[in-house]
N, C-alpha and C. Protein backbone atom coordinates (compact mmCIF):
# COMPACT_ATOMS: atom_id res chain seq x y z
N UNK A 1 14.05 -16.09 54.63
CA UNK A 1 13.62 -15.14 55.67
C UNK A 1 12.78 -15.85 56.72
N UNK A 2 11.89 -16.73 56.29
CA UNK A 2 11.02 -17.44 57.24
C UNK A 2 11.86 -18.27 58.20
N UNK A 3 12.88 -18.95 57.66
CA UNK A 3 13.74 -19.79 58.49
C UNK A 3 14.47 -18.94 59.51
N UNK A 4 15.00 -17.80 59.07
CA UNK A 4 15.73 -16.92 59.98
C UNK A 4 14.82 -16.40 61.08
N UNK A 5 13.59 -16.05 60.73
CA UNK A 5 12.64 -15.58 61.73
C UNK A 5 12.36 -16.67 62.76
N UNK A 6 12.20 -17.90 62.30
CA UNK A 6 11.94 -19.00 63.23
C UNK A 6 13.11 -19.20 64.18
N UNK A 7 14.33 -19.07 63.67
CA UNK A 7 15.50 -19.24 64.52
C UNK A 7 15.56 -18.17 65.59
N UNK A 8 15.18 -16.94 65.24
CA UNK A 8 15.19 -15.85 66.21
C UNK A 8 14.09 -16.03 67.25
N UNK A 9 13.02 -16.71 66.88
CA UNK A 9 11.90 -16.89 67.80
C UNK A 9 12.13 -18.03 68.79
N UNK A 10 13.01 -18.95 68.47
CA UNK A 10 13.20 -20.12 69.31
C UNK A 10 13.54 -19.75 70.74
N UNK A 11 14.41 -18.73 70.90
CA UNK A 11 14.89 -18.39 72.24
C UNK A 11 13.79 -17.88 73.15
N UNK A 12 12.66 -17.43 72.58
CA UNK A 12 11.61 -16.84 73.41
C UNK A 12 11.01 -17.86 74.38
N UNK A 13 10.97 -19.13 74.00
CA UNK A 13 10.31 -20.11 74.85
C UNK A 13 11.07 -20.34 76.15
N UNK A 14 12.38 -20.09 76.15
CA UNK A 14 13.17 -20.33 77.35
C UNK A 14 12.84 -19.36 78.47
N UNK A 15 12.15 -18.26 78.15
CA UNK A 15 11.86 -17.26 79.15
C UNK A 15 10.45 -17.39 79.73
N UNK A 16 9.65 -18.29 79.18
CA UNK A 16 8.28 -18.46 79.67
C UNK A 16 8.29 -19.41 80.86
N UNK A 17 8.82 -18.93 82.00
CA UNK A 17 8.96 -19.76 83.18
C UNK A 17 8.12 -19.19 84.32
N UNK A 18 7.67 -20.08 85.20
CA UNK A 18 6.98 -19.64 86.40
C UNK A 18 8.00 -19.28 87.46
N UNK A 19 7.64 -18.34 88.32
CA UNK A 19 8.53 -17.98 89.42
C UNK A 19 8.41 -19.03 90.52
N UNK A 20 9.53 -19.41 91.09
CA UNK A 20 9.55 -20.45 92.11
C UNK A 20 9.23 -19.87 93.49
N UNK A 21 8.75 -20.69 94.42
CA UNK A 21 8.50 -20.21 95.78
C UNK A 21 9.74 -19.61 96.42
N UNK A 22 10.91 -20.20 96.14
CA UNK A 22 12.15 -19.67 96.72
C UNK A 22 12.45 -18.27 96.20
N UNK A 23 12.20 -18.05 94.92
CA UNK A 23 12.42 -16.72 94.35
C UNK A 23 11.47 -15.71 94.98
N UNK A 24 10.21 -16.07 95.07
CA UNK A 24 9.21 -15.16 95.63
C UNK A 24 9.54 -14.83 97.08
N UNK A 25 9.97 -15.82 97.83
CA UNK A 25 10.34 -15.59 99.23
C UNK A 25 11.52 -14.62 99.31
N UNK A 26 12.50 -14.78 98.43
CA UNK A 26 13.66 -13.88 98.41
C UNK A 26 13.24 -12.46 98.06
N UNK A 27 12.36 -12.32 97.08
CA UNK A 27 11.91 -10.99 96.68
C UNK A 27 11.12 -10.31 97.79
N UNK A 28 10.26 -11.08 98.44
CA UNK A 28 9.46 -10.52 99.53
C UNK A 28 10.36 -10.02 100.65
N UNK A 29 11.41 -10.77 100.94
CA UNK A 29 12.35 -10.36 102.00
C UNK A 29 13.08 -9.08 101.61
N UNK A 30 13.50 -8.98 100.35
CA UNK A 30 14.21 -7.78 99.92
C UNK A 30 13.27 -6.58 99.85
N UNK A 31 12.04 -6.80 99.45
CA UNK A 31 11.07 -5.71 99.35
C UNK A 31 10.84 -5.05 100.71
N UNK A 32 10.97 -5.82 101.79
CA UNK A 32 10.80 -5.27 103.13
C UNK A 32 11.92 -4.31 103.51
N UNK A 33 13.03 -4.36 102.76
CA UNK A 33 14.17 -3.48 103.03
C UNK A 33 14.11 -2.20 102.19
N UNK A 34 13.04 -2.06 101.41
CA UNK A 34 12.95 -0.94 100.45
C UNK A 34 11.72 -0.09 100.76
N UNK A 35 11.92 1.22 100.68
CA UNK A 35 10.81 2.16 100.80
C UNK A 35 10.77 3.04 99.56
N UNK A 36 9.61 3.15 98.93
CA UNK A 36 9.42 4.00 97.76
C UNK A 36 8.43 5.10 98.12
N UNK A 37 8.89 6.34 98.06
CA UNK A 37 8.04 7.48 98.39
C UNK A 37 7.91 8.36 97.15
N UNK A 38 6.69 8.64 96.74
CA UNK A 38 6.46 9.52 95.60
C UNK A 38 6.13 10.92 96.11
N UNK A 39 6.84 11.90 95.56
CA UNK A 39 6.65 13.27 96.02
C UNK A 39 5.43 13.91 95.36
N UNK A 40 5.28 15.22 95.57
CA UNK A 40 4.11 15.95 95.06
C UNK A 40 3.96 15.81 93.55
N UNK A 41 5.08 15.67 92.86
CA UNK A 41 5.05 15.60 91.39
C UNK A 41 5.04 14.16 90.88
N UNK A 42 4.92 13.21 91.80
CA UNK A 42 4.86 11.81 91.40
C UNK A 42 6.21 11.17 91.15
N UNK A 43 7.29 11.86 91.52
CA UNK A 43 8.63 11.32 91.32
C UNK A 43 8.95 10.34 92.44
N UNK A 44 9.32 9.09 92.11
CA UNK A 44 9.62 8.12 93.16
C UNK A 44 11.01 8.34 93.76
N UNK A 45 11.10 8.31 95.07
CA UNK A 45 12.37 8.38 95.79
C UNK A 45 12.58 7.02 96.46
N UNK A 46 13.72 6.39 96.18
CA UNK A 46 13.97 5.03 96.60
C UNK A 46 14.92 5.00 97.79
N UNK A 47 14.53 4.32 98.84
CA UNK A 47 15.37 4.17 100.03
C UNK A 47 15.56 2.67 100.31
N UNK A 48 16.82 2.28 100.55
CA UNK A 48 17.09 0.88 100.84
C UNK A 48 18.23 0.73 101.82
N UNK A 49 18.34 -0.45 102.42
CA UNK A 49 19.41 -0.72 103.37
C UNK A 49 20.77 -0.83 102.67
N UNK A 50 20.75 -1.31 101.43
CA UNK A 50 21.98 -1.49 100.66
C UNK A 50 21.79 -0.93 99.26
N UNK A 51 22.90 -0.87 98.50
CA UNK A 51 22.81 -0.44 97.11
C UNK A 51 21.90 -1.38 96.31
N UNK A 52 22.02 -2.66 96.59
CA UNK A 52 21.19 -3.64 95.88
C UNK A 52 19.71 -3.43 96.19
N UNK A 53 19.40 -3.07 97.42
CA UNK A 53 18.01 -2.77 97.77
C UNK A 53 17.49 -1.59 96.96
N UNK A 54 18.34 -0.56 96.82
CA UNK A 54 17.94 0.63 96.06
C UNK A 54 17.71 0.29 94.60
N UNK A 55 18.57 -0.55 94.02
CA UNK A 55 18.39 -0.97 92.63
C UNK A 55 17.09 -1.76 92.49
N UNK A 56 16.83 -2.66 93.40
CA UNK A 56 15.60 -3.45 93.41
C UNK A 56 14.38 -2.53 93.40
N UNK A 57 14.39 -1.54 94.30
CA UNK A 57 13.26 -0.61 94.38
C UNK A 57 13.15 0.28 93.17
N UNK A 58 14.30 0.69 92.62
CA UNK A 58 14.30 1.56 91.45
C UNK A 58 13.63 0.88 90.26
N UNK A 59 13.99 -0.37 90.00
CA UNK A 59 13.41 -1.07 88.86
C UNK A 59 11.94 -1.39 89.09
N UNK A 60 11.58 -1.69 90.32
CA UNK A 60 10.17 -1.92 90.63
C UNK A 60 9.36 -0.66 90.34
N UNK A 61 9.89 0.49 90.81
CA UNK A 61 9.19 1.76 90.60
C UNK A 61 9.13 2.12 89.12
N UNK A 62 10.21 1.84 88.40
CA UNK A 62 10.23 2.15 86.97
C UNK A 62 9.18 1.32 86.23
N UNK A 63 9.04 0.07 86.62
CA UNK A 63 8.02 -0.78 85.99
C UNK A 63 6.62 -0.30 86.32
N UNK A 64 6.42 0.21 87.54
CA UNK A 64 5.12 0.78 87.89
C UNK A 64 4.79 1.94 86.97
N UNK A 65 5.79 2.74 86.65
CA UNK A 65 5.57 3.91 85.80
C UNK A 65 5.33 3.51 84.34
N UNK A 66 6.13 2.56 83.84
CA UNK A 66 6.03 2.26 82.41
C UNK A 66 6.74 0.93 82.11
N UNK A 67 6.12 -0.18 82.46
CA UNK A 67 6.74 -1.47 82.18
C UNK A 67 6.95 -1.67 80.69
N UNK A 68 6.01 -1.20 79.89
CA UNK A 68 6.10 -1.38 78.45
C UNK A 68 7.40 -0.82 77.90
N UNK A 69 7.81 0.35 78.40
CA UNK A 69 9.05 0.96 77.93
C UNK A 69 10.27 0.16 78.39
N UNK A 70 10.21 -0.34 79.62
CA UNK A 70 11.31 -1.17 80.13
C UNK A 70 11.49 -2.40 79.25
N UNK A 71 10.38 -3.08 78.97
CA UNK A 71 10.47 -4.27 78.13
C UNK A 71 10.97 -3.93 76.74
N UNK A 72 10.49 -2.83 76.18
CA UNK A 72 10.90 -2.42 74.84
C UNK A 72 12.41 -2.21 74.74
N UNK A 73 12.98 -1.57 75.77
CA UNK A 73 14.42 -1.33 75.76
C UNK A 73 15.20 -2.63 75.62
N UNK A 74 14.75 -3.66 76.31
CA UNK A 74 15.48 -4.93 76.29
C UNK A 74 15.13 -5.78 75.08
N UNK A 75 13.93 -5.67 74.57
CA UNK A 75 13.62 -6.35 73.31
C UNK A 75 14.53 -5.85 72.20
N UNK A 76 14.78 -4.54 72.21
CA UNK A 76 15.63 -3.96 71.17
C UNK A 76 17.06 -4.45 71.29
N UNK A 77 17.64 -4.34 72.49
CA UNK A 77 19.05 -4.67 72.63
C UNK A 77 19.30 -6.18 72.56
N UNK A 78 18.29 -6.98 72.87
CA UNK A 78 18.41 -8.43 72.75
C UNK A 78 18.16 -8.92 71.33
N UNK A 79 17.74 -8.03 70.44
CA UNK A 79 17.43 -8.44 69.08
C UNK A 79 16.20 -9.32 69.02
N UNK A 80 15.14 -8.94 69.75
CA UNK A 80 13.94 -9.77 69.82
C UNK A 80 12.67 -8.98 69.54
N UNK A 81 12.79 -7.87 68.83
CA UNK A 81 11.62 -7.06 68.55
C UNK A 81 10.63 -7.77 67.62
N UNK A 82 11.14 -8.62 66.74
CA UNK A 82 10.25 -9.33 65.81
C UNK A 82 9.27 -10.24 66.54
N UNK A 83 9.64 -10.68 67.74
CA UNK A 83 8.74 -11.53 68.51
C UNK A 83 7.50 -10.76 68.95
N UNK A 84 7.63 -9.45 69.07
CA UNK A 84 6.50 -8.61 69.46
C UNK A 84 5.82 -7.95 68.27
N UNK A 85 6.62 -7.57 67.28
CA UNK A 85 6.10 -6.74 66.19
C UNK A 85 6.08 -7.42 64.84
N UNK A 86 6.53 -8.66 64.78
CA UNK A 86 6.45 -9.38 63.53
C UNK A 86 7.67 -9.22 62.63
N UNK A 87 7.50 -9.72 61.43
CA UNK A 87 8.61 -9.86 60.48
C UNK A 87 9.26 -8.53 60.09
N UNK A 88 8.52 -7.44 60.19
CA UNK A 88 9.07 -6.15 59.76
C UNK A 88 10.28 -5.73 60.59
N UNK A 89 10.44 -6.31 61.80
CA UNK A 89 11.57 -5.95 62.66
C UNK A 89 12.71 -6.96 62.56
N UNK A 90 12.59 -7.91 61.66
CA UNK A 90 13.57 -9.00 61.58
C UNK A 90 14.99 -8.50 61.36
N UNK A 91 15.16 -7.59 60.40
CA UNK A 91 16.52 -7.16 60.09
C UNK A 91 17.08 -6.19 61.13
N UNK A 92 16.21 -5.48 61.82
CA UNK A 92 16.67 -4.66 62.95
C UNK A 92 17.20 -5.57 64.05
N UNK A 93 16.51 -6.70 64.28
CA UNK A 93 16.98 -7.67 65.26
C UNK A 93 18.30 -8.29 64.83
N UNK A 94 18.39 -8.63 63.56
CA UNK A 94 19.62 -9.22 63.05
C UNK A 94 20.78 -8.26 63.20
N UNK A 95 20.56 -7.00 62.86
CA UNK A 95 21.62 -6.00 63.01
C UNK A 95 22.10 -5.92 64.46
N UNK A 96 21.15 -5.93 65.39
CA UNK A 96 21.52 -5.85 66.81
C UNK A 96 22.32 -7.07 67.24
N UNK A 97 21.94 -8.24 66.76
CA UNK A 97 22.65 -9.45 67.15
C UNK A 97 24.04 -9.53 66.53
N UNK A 98 24.24 -8.84 65.43
CA UNK A 98 25.57 -8.76 64.84
C UNK A 98 26.49 -7.86 65.66
N UNK A 99 25.89 -6.91 66.37
CA UNK A 99 26.66 -5.91 67.11
C UNK A 99 26.89 -6.30 68.56
N UNK A 100 25.84 -6.78 69.22
CA UNK A 100 25.90 -7.07 70.66
C UNK A 100 25.78 -8.57 70.88
N UNK A 101 26.70 -9.14 71.65
CA UNK A 101 26.78 -10.58 71.85
C UNK A 101 26.22 -10.97 73.21
N UNK A 102 25.09 -11.64 73.23
CA UNK A 102 24.48 -12.04 74.50
C UNK A 102 25.35 -13.07 75.23
N UNK A 103 26.07 -13.90 74.49
CA UNK A 103 26.95 -14.88 75.13
C UNK A 103 28.03 -14.19 75.95
N UNK A 104 28.54 -13.07 75.44
CA UNK A 104 29.55 -12.31 76.19
C UNK A 104 28.94 -11.67 77.43
N UNK A 105 27.69 -11.20 77.31
CA UNK A 105 27.02 -10.60 78.46
C UNK A 105 26.83 -11.64 79.57
N UNK A 106 26.44 -12.84 79.19
CA UNK A 106 26.28 -13.92 80.17
C UNK A 106 27.62 -14.25 80.83
N UNK A 107 28.66 -14.32 80.02
CA UNK A 107 30.00 -14.61 80.53
C UNK A 107 30.45 -13.52 81.49
N UNK A 108 30.22 -12.26 81.11
CA UNK A 108 30.61 -11.14 81.98
C UNK A 108 29.87 -11.19 83.31
N UNK A 109 28.60 -11.58 83.27
CA UNK A 109 27.84 -11.68 84.51
C UNK A 109 28.46 -12.71 85.45
N UNK A 110 28.75 -13.88 84.92
CA UNK A 110 29.30 -14.95 85.76
C UNK A 110 30.70 -14.60 86.27
N UNK A 111 31.42 -13.76 85.54
CA UNK A 111 32.77 -13.37 85.95
C UNK A 111 32.79 -12.10 86.79
N UNK A 112 31.64 -11.52 87.04
CA UNK A 112 31.57 -10.26 87.79
C UNK A 112 31.90 -10.48 89.26
N UNK A 113 32.49 -9.47 89.91
CA UNK A 113 32.71 -9.57 91.36
C UNK A 113 31.38 -9.63 92.09
N UNK A 114 31.40 -10.15 93.30
CA UNK A 114 30.17 -10.37 94.04
C UNK A 114 29.35 -9.10 94.23
N UNK A 115 30.02 -7.97 94.52
CA UNK A 115 29.29 -6.73 94.78
C UNK A 115 28.50 -6.29 93.55
N UNK A 116 29.10 -6.49 92.35
CA UNK A 116 28.42 -6.08 91.13
C UNK A 116 27.32 -7.07 90.76
N UNK A 117 27.59 -8.35 91.02
CA UNK A 117 26.59 -9.37 90.72
C UNK A 117 25.33 -9.15 91.56
N UNK A 118 25.51 -8.68 92.80
CA UNK A 118 24.36 -8.38 93.65
C UNK A 118 23.49 -7.28 93.03
N UNK A 119 24.12 -6.28 92.42
CA UNK A 119 23.37 -5.21 91.78
C UNK A 119 22.62 -5.72 90.55
N UNK A 120 23.28 -6.57 89.77
CA UNK A 120 22.63 -7.13 88.58
C UNK A 120 21.48 -8.05 88.97
N UNK A 121 21.66 -8.83 90.03
CA UNK A 121 20.58 -9.68 90.52
C UNK A 121 19.40 -8.84 90.98
N UNK A 122 19.70 -7.74 91.67
CA UNK A 122 18.64 -6.86 92.17
C UNK A 122 17.88 -6.21 91.02
N UNK A 123 18.59 -5.89 89.95
CA UNK A 123 17.95 -5.33 88.75
C UNK A 123 16.88 -6.29 88.23
N UNK A 124 17.27 -7.55 88.02
CA UNK A 124 16.32 -8.54 87.49
C UNK A 124 15.23 -8.85 88.51
N UNK A 125 15.61 -8.96 89.77
CA UNK A 125 14.63 -9.30 90.81
C UNK A 125 13.56 -8.22 90.95
N UNK A 126 13.97 -6.95 90.85
CA UNK A 126 13.00 -5.87 90.97
C UNK A 126 11.93 -5.92 89.88
N UNK A 127 12.36 -6.23 88.66
CA UNK A 127 11.40 -6.33 87.55
C UNK A 127 10.53 -7.58 87.70
N UNK A 128 11.17 -8.70 88.02
CA UNK A 128 10.41 -9.94 88.15
C UNK A 128 9.42 -9.88 89.32
N UNK A 129 9.81 -9.20 90.39
CA UNK A 129 8.89 -9.05 91.52
C UNK A 129 7.69 -8.19 91.12
N UNK A 130 7.96 -7.17 90.32
CA UNK A 130 6.85 -6.36 89.80
C UNK A 130 5.89 -7.23 89.00
N UNK A 131 6.42 -8.07 88.11
CA UNK A 131 5.56 -8.93 87.30
C UNK A 131 4.77 -9.90 88.18
N UNK A 132 5.41 -10.41 89.22
CA UNK A 132 4.72 -11.31 90.14
C UNK A 132 3.58 -10.60 90.86
N UNK A 133 3.82 -9.35 91.27
CA UNK A 133 2.82 -8.60 92.03
C UNK A 133 1.74 -7.99 91.14
N UNK A 134 1.97 -7.94 89.84
CA UNK A 134 1.01 -7.32 88.92
C UNK A 134 0.68 -8.30 87.78
N UNK A 135 -0.04 -9.37 88.07
CA UNK A 135 -0.37 -10.34 87.03
C UNK A 135 -1.21 -9.75 85.90
N UNK A 136 -1.82 -8.58 86.15
CA UNK A 136 -2.59 -7.94 85.09
C UNK A 136 -1.69 -7.34 84.02
N UNK A 137 -0.41 -7.15 84.33
CA UNK A 137 0.54 -6.67 83.34
C UNK A 137 0.93 -7.83 82.44
N UNK A 138 0.71 -7.68 81.16
CA UNK A 138 0.98 -8.76 80.21
C UNK A 138 2.17 -8.38 79.32
N UNK A 139 3.36 -8.91 79.61
CA UNK A 139 4.51 -8.63 78.75
C UNK A 139 4.26 -9.10 77.33
N UNK A 140 4.81 -8.39 76.37
CA UNK A 140 4.67 -8.81 74.98
C UNK A 140 5.51 -10.05 74.72
N UNK A 141 6.68 -10.13 75.35
CA UNK A 141 7.60 -11.24 75.12
C UNK A 141 8.29 -11.70 76.41
N UNK A 142 8.88 -10.76 77.12
CA UNK A 142 9.76 -11.10 78.25
C UNK A 142 8.96 -11.31 79.53
N UNK A 143 8.71 -12.57 79.85
CA UNK A 143 7.99 -12.89 81.08
C UNK A 143 8.93 -13.10 82.25
N UNK A 144 10.21 -13.11 81.99
CA UNK A 144 11.24 -13.22 83.03
C UNK A 144 12.47 -12.45 82.58
N UNK A 145 12.99 -11.63 83.47
CA UNK A 145 14.20 -10.87 83.18
C UNK A 145 15.39 -11.53 83.86
N UNK A 146 16.51 -11.57 83.15
CA UNK A 146 17.72 -12.20 83.67
C UNK A 146 18.74 -11.13 84.08
N UNK A 147 19.59 -11.43 85.08
CA UNK A 147 20.56 -10.43 85.55
C UNK A 147 21.51 -9.93 84.48
N UNK A 148 21.83 -10.76 83.51
CA UNK A 148 22.79 -10.37 82.48
C UNK A 148 22.20 -9.45 81.42
N UNK A 149 20.88 -9.30 81.40
CA UNK A 149 20.25 -8.44 80.39
C UNK A 149 20.87 -7.05 80.38
N UNK A 150 21.10 -6.50 81.57
CA UNK A 150 21.57 -5.11 81.62
C UNK A 150 22.97 -4.96 81.05
N UNK A 151 23.75 -6.02 81.01
CA UNK A 151 25.10 -5.95 80.46
C UNK A 151 25.09 -5.88 78.94
N UNK A 152 23.93 -6.00 78.33
CA UNK A 152 23.83 -5.83 76.88
C UNK A 152 24.03 -4.37 76.49
N UNK A 153 23.81 -3.47 77.45
CA UNK A 153 24.07 -2.05 77.20
C UNK A 153 25.53 -1.79 77.54
N UNK A 154 26.40 -1.90 76.56
CA UNK A 154 27.84 -1.87 76.82
C UNK A 154 28.34 -0.52 77.29
N UNK A 155 27.61 0.55 77.01
CA UNK A 155 28.06 1.87 77.45
C UNK A 155 27.38 2.28 78.76
N UNK A 156 26.64 1.37 79.35
CA UNK A 156 26.06 1.62 80.66
C UNK A 156 24.72 2.31 80.66
N UNK A 157 24.18 2.60 79.49
CA UNK A 157 22.89 3.30 79.46
C UNK A 157 22.13 2.95 78.20
N UNK A 158 20.85 3.29 78.21
CA UNK A 158 20.03 3.10 77.02
C UNK A 158 20.30 4.27 76.08
N UNK A 159 20.87 3.99 74.93
CA UNK A 159 21.21 5.07 74.00
C UNK A 159 21.16 4.52 72.58
N UNK A 160 21.39 5.39 71.62
CA UNK A 160 21.39 4.97 70.23
C UNK A 160 22.46 3.92 70.00
N UNK A 161 22.13 2.90 69.22
CA UNK A 161 23.07 1.81 68.97
C UNK A 161 24.19 2.28 68.05
N UNK A 162 25.41 1.95 68.42
CA UNK A 162 26.57 2.29 67.60
C UNK A 162 26.79 1.16 66.59
N UNK A 163 26.60 1.46 65.32
CA UNK A 163 26.66 0.43 64.29
C UNK A 163 27.96 0.45 63.50
N UNK A 164 28.86 1.36 63.80
CA UNK A 164 30.10 1.44 63.05
C UNK A 164 29.89 1.91 61.62
N UNK A 165 28.80 2.62 61.38
CA UNK A 165 28.54 3.16 60.05
C UNK A 165 27.73 2.25 59.15
N UNK A 166 27.36 1.08 59.63
CA UNK A 166 26.57 0.14 58.82
C UNK A 166 25.09 0.49 58.96
N UNK A 167 24.44 0.75 57.84
CA UNK A 167 23.03 1.12 57.85
C UNK A 167 22.15 -0.13 57.83
N UNK A 168 20.96 0.00 58.39
CA UNK A 168 20.03 -1.13 58.43
C UNK A 168 19.71 -1.62 57.02
N UNK A 169 19.59 -0.71 56.08
CA UNK A 169 19.27 -1.10 54.70
C UNK A 169 20.39 -1.95 54.10
N UNK A 170 21.63 -1.69 54.50
CA UNK A 170 22.75 -2.50 54.01
C UNK A 170 22.69 -3.92 54.59
N UNK A 171 22.30 -4.03 55.84
CA UNK A 171 22.12 -5.36 56.44
C UNK A 171 21.02 -6.11 55.71
N UNK A 172 19.93 -5.40 55.43
CA UNK A 172 18.81 -6.02 54.72
C UNK A 172 19.25 -6.50 53.33
N UNK A 173 19.95 -5.66 52.59
CA UNK A 173 20.39 -6.03 51.25
C UNK A 173 21.32 -7.25 51.27
N UNK A 174 22.25 -7.25 52.22
CA UNK A 174 23.26 -8.31 52.27
C UNK A 174 22.65 -9.67 52.60
N UNK A 175 21.76 -9.71 53.59
CA UNK A 175 21.24 -10.98 54.07
C UNK A 175 19.98 -11.45 53.35
N UNK A 176 19.34 -10.57 52.61
CA UNK A 176 18.12 -10.98 51.90
C UNK A 176 18.41 -11.40 50.47
N UNK A 177 19.66 -11.25 50.03
CA UNK A 177 20.00 -11.60 48.66
C UNK A 177 19.66 -10.52 47.67
N UNK A 178 19.34 -9.33 48.17
CA UNK A 178 19.04 -8.20 47.30
C UNK A 178 20.28 -7.84 46.49
N UNK A 179 20.14 -7.66 45.20
CA UNK A 179 21.28 -7.39 44.34
C UNK A 179 21.71 -5.93 44.36
N UNK A 180 20.97 -5.10 45.08
CA UNK A 180 21.40 -3.70 45.19
C UNK A 180 22.76 -3.64 45.88
N UNK A 181 23.54 -2.68 45.48
CA UNK A 181 24.90 -2.56 46.01
C UNK A 181 24.87 -2.30 47.51
N UNK A 182 25.78 -2.98 48.20
CA UNK A 182 25.98 -2.73 49.62
C UNK A 182 27.42 -2.27 49.77
N UNK A 183 27.59 -0.96 49.84
CA UNK A 183 28.94 -0.40 49.81
C UNK A 183 29.28 0.26 51.13
N UNK A 184 30.54 0.16 51.50
CA UNK A 184 31.02 0.82 52.71
C UNK A 184 31.16 2.30 52.44
N UNK A 185 30.59 3.10 53.31
CA UNK A 185 30.69 4.55 53.18
C UNK A 185 31.80 5.06 54.09
N UNK A 186 32.75 5.81 53.55
CA UNK A 186 33.85 6.31 54.38
C UNK A 186 33.34 7.20 55.51
N UNK A 187 34.03 7.12 56.64
CA UNK A 187 33.66 7.93 57.79
C UNK A 187 34.09 9.37 57.56
N UNK A 188 33.17 10.28 57.73
CA UNK A 188 33.46 11.70 57.57
C UNK A 188 33.32 12.37 58.92
N UNK A 189 34.41 12.95 59.40
CA UNK A 189 34.36 13.64 60.68
C UNK A 189 33.57 14.93 60.56
N UNK A 190 32.56 15.05 61.39
CA UNK A 190 31.73 16.24 61.38
C UNK A 190 31.65 16.83 62.77
N UNK A 191 31.61 18.13 62.82
CA UNK A 191 31.50 18.82 64.11
C UNK A 191 30.02 18.88 64.48
N UNK A 192 29.55 17.79 65.10
CA UNK A 192 28.14 17.68 65.43
C UNK A 192 27.94 17.97 66.91
N UNK A 193 26.94 18.78 67.20
CA UNK A 193 26.64 19.11 68.59
C UNK A 193 26.19 17.85 69.34
N UNK A 194 26.84 17.60 70.48
CA UNK A 194 26.47 16.45 71.30
C UNK A 194 25.20 16.75 72.07
N UNK A 195 24.25 15.82 72.02
CA UNK A 195 22.97 16.04 72.69
C UNK A 195 22.63 14.85 73.57
N UNK A 196 21.88 15.14 74.61
CA UNK A 196 21.40 14.09 75.49
C UNK A 196 19.90 14.19 75.62
N UNK A 197 19.30 13.17 76.21
CA UNK A 197 17.83 13.16 76.29
C UNK A 197 17.30 13.43 77.69
N UNK A 198 18.19 13.57 78.67
CA UNK A 198 17.71 13.65 80.05
C UNK A 198 18.27 14.84 80.82
N UNK A 199 18.45 15.95 80.18
CA UNK A 199 18.95 17.14 80.87
C UNK A 199 17.83 18.09 81.23
N UNK A 200 17.81 18.54 82.48
CA UNK A 200 16.78 19.47 82.94
C UNK A 200 17.42 20.58 83.76
N UNK A 201 17.09 21.82 83.44
CA UNK A 201 17.53 22.97 84.23
C UNK A 201 16.29 23.64 84.81
N UNK A 202 16.26 23.79 86.14
CA UNK A 202 15.09 24.35 86.82
C UNK A 202 15.48 25.67 87.48
N UNK A 203 14.76 26.71 87.15
CA UNK A 203 15.06 28.05 87.66
C UNK A 203 14.76 28.14 89.15
N UNK A 204 15.47 29.03 89.87
CA UNK A 204 15.26 29.17 91.33
C UNK A 204 13.81 29.45 91.71
N UNK A 205 13.10 30.21 90.90
CA UNK A 205 11.73 30.56 91.25
C UNK A 205 10.78 29.37 91.21
N UNK A 206 11.23 28.27 90.61
CA UNK A 206 10.38 27.09 90.48
C UNK A 206 10.74 26.00 91.49
N UNK A 207 11.74 26.23 92.32
CA UNK A 207 12.14 25.21 93.30
C UNK A 207 11.68 25.61 94.70
N UNK A 208 11.49 24.63 95.56
CA UNK A 208 10.98 24.90 96.91
C UNK A 208 11.99 25.63 97.79
N UNK A 209 13.31 25.43 97.51
CA UNK A 209 14.33 26.07 98.34
C UNK A 209 14.93 27.32 97.71
N UNK A 210 14.45 27.70 96.53
CA UNK A 210 14.94 28.91 95.88
C UNK A 210 16.28 28.76 95.20
N UNK A 211 16.78 27.54 95.08
CA UNK A 211 18.06 27.29 94.41
C UNK A 211 17.82 26.72 93.01
N UNK A 212 18.72 27.06 92.10
CA UNK A 212 18.65 26.46 90.77
C UNK A 212 19.06 24.99 90.86
N UNK A 213 18.44 24.16 90.03
CA UNK A 213 18.75 22.73 90.03
C UNK A 213 19.04 22.29 88.60
N UNK A 214 20.14 21.55 88.44
CA UNK A 214 20.49 20.99 87.14
C UNK A 214 20.52 19.48 87.26
N UNK A 215 19.65 18.83 86.50
CA UNK A 215 19.62 17.37 86.46
C UNK A 215 20.22 16.90 85.14
N UNK A 216 21.17 15.97 85.22
CA UNK A 216 21.79 15.43 84.01
C UNK A 216 21.62 13.91 84.01
């Protein structure tokens, strides 16, 4: 277990890099193309000259609201939670690395069309610019975000990881040498209500224009 933990920790050192003057100059130029306006309720509205500008501003604003949550999302999908939380997260990281391949994400980034690559670059640049502008923010692990990070979310959003029915305890038993049985459980189709975490319905009496609003 100790050896496996050390192997998972090795990759962390590659991200402890300083931002270059060229990067900072590029971010400053893009930031001038972005306007972030927070309304009465503190909701940020992002305006940019291009889609990439809007993505840059969106991630900057999201980090202002809760950088810790942003970092946590990527620590989980990168299989690097143990670097922040210790050995207790080792098998959760291992399970994630068995499911999601960072090498494929990097390959997909390099093979992406230019328009999409610009959006991915803006995603990373917005977060890195936030870190540059807020040195008081101390990341637990990720001191630099890479454009390919977002491609680790294969379904396009932050959601529950699809494990194909493999439980974390089974991963733990198999790789730790535990003699407890690790058995495949047959898939049982169940009529389960589909739920989401970001649905909001606002009644007309609560909106400024008197219209109902549905956010999904």
